[in-house]
Amino acid sequence: MKKMILVLATVCITSIIHAQQELRIDTGKSIINWKGSDLLDLNTHNGTVKFKNGVIRRKGIFITGGEFEVDMNSIINIGDRYNEMLITHLKSEDFFDVKKYPIAKLEIINTRYINATNLDVIAYLTINDIRHIIQYQSTIENINNQVLLKSKFIIDRTLWKINYKSKNFLINLKDDIISNTIDFEVVVVANQDGC
């Protein structure tokens, strides 16, 4: 009996090491934090947007990929008296055109581990139905049977045709200019499946 248990345990461990796993993210705990500002970073807005769904792909203990859908209707701004007006504007055609493009996507296509907890990531980011490659670094932790993946990256919004009040497209530079960059801090929490 003990021998049988040992054999099954060995098979289970071997399967975990070699098999590709998909870990579903916990959309209640996973979040995307964003920050935008004017050109000189004197006036800033920050908020959050939620994931609709997503999976992390893992081979053994190593993350190899992932796909995530972001619910653009969930975008909020934090701590601003003009909150409702700003959110309405962010959802409009000037920015994310949420009525036409309610979902943004992030697809991890390649990873390279720097050490046990830090990795370089290459991913596709799709916003407004425009897809570009981005590169960033992530940290990974395993806590209480959950995988915690934290990432930071900055994008140039004009690559996704978000050109409203960009310095690239304003003739009159006296107008209020909004920085082309948007900062993101992403926290993904996924539950680890047993054998």
Protein backbone atom coordinates (compact mmCIF):
# COMPACT_ATOMS: atom_id res chain seq x y z
CA MET A 1 0.00 0.00 0.00
CA LYS A 2 2.81 2.39 0.94
CA LYS A 3 4.56 1.49 -2.30
CA MET A 4 1.41 2.32 -4.29
CA ILE A 5 1.06 5.71 -2.55
CA LEU A 6 4.71 6.47 -3.28
CA VAL A 7 4.25 5.62 -6.96
CA LEU A 8 1.14 7.81 -7.22
CA ALA A 9 2.91 10.69 -5.48
CA THR A 10 5.85 10.38 -7.87
CA VAL A 11 3.53 10.40 -10.89
CA CYS A 12 1.70 13.40 -9.51
CA ILE A 13 4.91 15.39 -8.90
CA THR A 14 6.29 14.46 -12.33
CA SER A 15 3.04 15.59 -13.97
CA ILE A 16 3.17 18.93 -12.18
CA ILE A 17 6.80 19.49 -13.21
CA HIS A 18 6.31 18.70 -16.90
CA ALA A 19 2.67 19.56 -17.65
CA GLN A 20 1.46 22.96 -18.75
CA GLN A 21 -1.04 24.26 -16.21
CA GLU A 22 -3.62 27.00 -16.52
CA LEU A 23 -4.33 28.93 -13.34
CA ARG A 24 -7.51 31.00 -13.35
CA ILE A 25 -7.18 34.45 -11.89
CA ASP A 26 -9.28 35.65 -8.98
CA THR A 27 -11.02 38.68 -10.52
CA GLY A 28 -12.11 39.86 -7.08
CA LYS A 29 -8.51 40.19 -5.88
CA SER A 30 -6.77 41.08 -9.16
CA ILE A 31 -6.67 44.76 -10.13
CA ILE A 32 -5.10 47.25 -12.53
CA ASN A 33 -4.08 50.64 -11.14
CA TRP A 34 -3.58 53.48 -13.64
CA LYS A 35 -2.21 57.02 -13.54
CA GLY A 36 -2.41 59.82 -16.08
CA SER A 37 -1.20 63.41 -15.85
CA ASP A 38 -0.66 66.67 -17.65
CA LEU A 39 2.57 67.20 -19.56
CA LEU A 40 4.52 68.50 -16.54
CA ASP A 41 3.03 65.95 -14.12
CA LEU A 42 1.56 68.78 -12.03
CA ASN A 43 -2.01 67.52 -12.20
CA THR A 44 -2.57 63.79 -12.00
CA HIS A 45 -5.51 61.42 -12.06
CA ASN A 46 -5.39 57.86 -10.89
CA GLY A 47 -7.82 55.01 -10.57
CA THR A 48 -8.47 51.36 -11.23
CA VAL A 49 -9.93 49.04 -13.83
CA LYS A 50 -10.96 45.42 -13.26
CA PHE A 51 -10.25 42.16 -15.02
CA LYS A 52 -13.16 40.34 -16.65
CA ASN A 53 -11.30 37.01 -16.72
CA GLY A 54 -7.86 35.56 -17.27
CA VAL A 55 -5.45 32.66 -16.94
CA ILE A 56 -1.77 32.31 -16.10
CA ARG A 57 0.03 29.52 -17.93
CA ARG A 58 2.70 27.69 -16.00
CA LYS A 59 5.09 24.83 -16.65
CA GLY A 60 6.26 23.38 -13.37
CA ILE A 61 6.88 26.41 -11.17
CA PHE A 62 7.65 28.74 -14.08
CA ILE A 63 5.16 31.13 -15.69
CA THR A 64 5.27 30.75 -19.47
CA GLY A 65 2.31 32.81 -20.64
CA GLY A 66 -1.14 34.14 -19.91
CA GLU A 67 -4.23 35.79 -21.34
CA PHE A 68 -6.33 38.42 -19.61
CA GLU A 69 -9.44 40.37 -20.56
CA VAL A 70 -10.03 43.78 -18.99
CA ASP A 71 -13.51 45.21 -18.47
CA MET A 72 -13.13 48.80 -19.65
CA ASN A 73 -16.60 49.65 -18.32
CA SER A 74 -15.21 49.13 -14.82
CA ILE A 75 -12.74 52.03 -15.06
CA ILE A 76 -12.93 54.42 -12.11
CA ASN A 77 -11.09 57.53 -10.99
CA ILE A 78 -10.10 57.87 -7.33
CA GLY A 79 -10.45 60.99 -5.19
CA ASP A 80 -11.55 63.64 -7.65
CA ARG A 81 -14.50 65.97 -7.27
CA TYR A 82 -15.06 65.81 -11.03
CA ASN A 83 -15.06 62.03 -10.92
CA GLU A 84 -18.28 61.35 -12.84
CA MET A 85 -17.43 63.84 -15.57
CA LEU A 86 -13.90 62.45 -15.92
CA ILE A 87 -15.05 58.83 -16.12
CA THR A 88 -17.63 59.75 -18.77
CA HIS A 89 -14.85 61.43 -20.75
CA LEU A 90 -12.45 58.48 -20.36
CA LYS A 91 -15.14 56.17 -21.71
CA SER A 92 -15.80 58.44 -24.70
CA GLU A 93 -14.27 58.37 -28.19
CA ASP A 94 -11.58 60.82 -27.01
CA PHE A 95 -9.98 58.05 -24.97
CA PHE A 96 -11.05 54.41 -24.69
CA ASP A 97 -14.31 54.45 -26.69
CA VAL A 98 -15.75 51.89 -24.28
CA LYS A 99 -19.08 51.60 -26.08
CA LYS A 100 -17.28 50.34 -29.19
CA TYR A 101 -14.37 48.58 -27.45
CA PRO A 102 -15.57 47.31 -24.04
CA ILE A 103 -12.69 44.82 -23.66
CA ALA A 104 -8.93 45.39 -23.57
CA LYS A 105 -6.56 42.42 -23.65
CA LEU A 106 -3.14 41.51 -22.33
CA GLU A 107 -1.43 38.39 -23.72
CA ILE A 108 1.87 37.22 -22.22
CA ILE A 109 3.81 35.60 -25.07
CA ASN A 110 7.28 35.19 -23.58
CA THR A 111 8.99 35.22 -20.19
CA ARG A 112 12.60 35.13 -19.05
CA TYR A 113 13.42 34.53 -15.42
CA ILE A 114 16.07 36.83 -13.93
CA ASN A 115 15.96 34.92 -10.65
CA ALA A 116 13.42 32.91 -8.66
CA THR A 117 11.06 35.85 -8.10
CA ASN A 118 11.73 38.31 -10.95
CA LEU A 119 11.08 37.91 -14.65
CA ASP A 120 11.14 39.86 -17.90
CA VAL A 121 7.85 39.71 -19.78
CA ILE A 122 6.95 40.31 -23.42
CA ALA A 123 3.23 40.74 -24.07
CA TYR A 124 0.67 42.01 -26.54
CA LEU A 125 -1.55 44.82 -25.25
CA THR A 126 -4.78 45.45 -27.17
CA ILE A 127 -6.67 48.68 -26.56
CA ASN A 128 -9.29 50.15 -28.91
CA ASP A 129 -8.76 47.06 -31.09
CA ILE A 130 -5.11 48.09 -31.67
CA ARG A 131 -2.44 45.58 -30.70
CA HIS A 132 1.17 46.39 -29.77
CA ILE A 133 4.00 44.54 -28.08
CA ILE A 134 5.08 45.81 -24.66
CA GLN A 135 7.93 44.71 -22.39
CA TYR A 136 8.09 44.97 -18.62
CA GLN A 137 9.29 43.27 -15.45
CA SER A 138 7.19 41.28 -13.00
CA THR A 139 7.68 39.84 -9.55
CA ILE A 140 6.10 36.58 -8.47
CA GLU A 141 5.19 35.25 -5.03
CA ASN A 142 3.50 32.06 -3.85
CA ILE A 143 1.31 32.76 -0.82
CA ASN A 144 -1.25 30.43 0.76
CA ASN A 145 -1.78 28.34 -2.37
CA GLN A 146 -2.06 31.43 -4.54
CA VAL A 147 0.24 32.92 -7.17
CA LEU A 148 0.72 36.68 -6.87
CA LEU A 149 2.09 38.38 -10.00
CA LYS A 150 2.92 42.10 -9.76
CA SER A 151 3.88 44.17 -12.80
CA LYS A 152 4.58 47.80 -13.68
CA PHE A 153 4.72 49.34 -17.13
CA ILE A 154 4.25 52.62 -18.96
CA ILE A 155 2.68 53.02 -22.37
CA ASP A 156 2.55 55.79 -24.96
CA ARG A 157 -1.20 56.15 -25.43
CA THR A 158 -0.82 57.60 -28.93
CA LEU A 159 0.30 54.18 -30.20
CA TRP A 160 -3.28 53.06 -29.48
CA LYS A 161 -4.73 56.16 -31.23
CA ILE A 162 -5.61 57.87 -27.95
CA ASN A 163 -4.58 61.29 -29.24
CA TYR A 164 -6.76 63.68 -27.22
CA LYS A 165 -4.72 66.75 -26.18
CA SER A 166 -1.45 65.03 -27.02
CA LYS A 167 1.52 67.32 -27.71
CA ASN A 168 1.98 65.36 -30.96
CA PHE A 169 -1.33 66.60 -32.35
CA LEU A 170 -1.87 70.06 -30.85
CA ILE A 171 -1.09 73.04 -33.04
CA ASN A 172 -1.67 75.56 -30.25
CA LEU A 173 0.66 74.54 -27.42
CA LYS A 174 -1.12 76.95 -25.08
CA ASP A 175 -3.90 74.40 -24.84
CA ASP A 176 -3.91 72.06 -21.86
CA ILE A 177 -1.60 69.24 -22.87
CA ILE A 178 -2.07 65.75 -21.46
CA SER A 179 1.00 63.55 -21.16
CA ASN A 180 1.27 60.77 -23.71
CA THR A 181 2.24 58.31 -21.00
CA ILE A 182 -0.09 56.22 -18.87
CA ASP A 183 1.39 54.36 -15.89
CA PHE A 184 0.05 50.95 -14.92
CA GLU A 185 0.57 48.83 -11.82
CA VAL A 186 -0.99 45.40 -12.22
CA VAL A 187 -1.69 42.85 -9.50
CA VAL A 188 -2.82 39.40 -10.64
CA VAL A 189 -3.88 36.79 -8.10
CA ALA A 190 -4.41 33.20 -9.29
CA ASN A 191 -5.38 30.10 -7.36
CA GLN A 192 -3.02 27.14 -7.66
CA ASP A 193 -4.68 23.87 -8.62
CA GLY A 194 -3.70 20.69 -6.87
CA CYS A 195 -2.67 17.49 -8.64
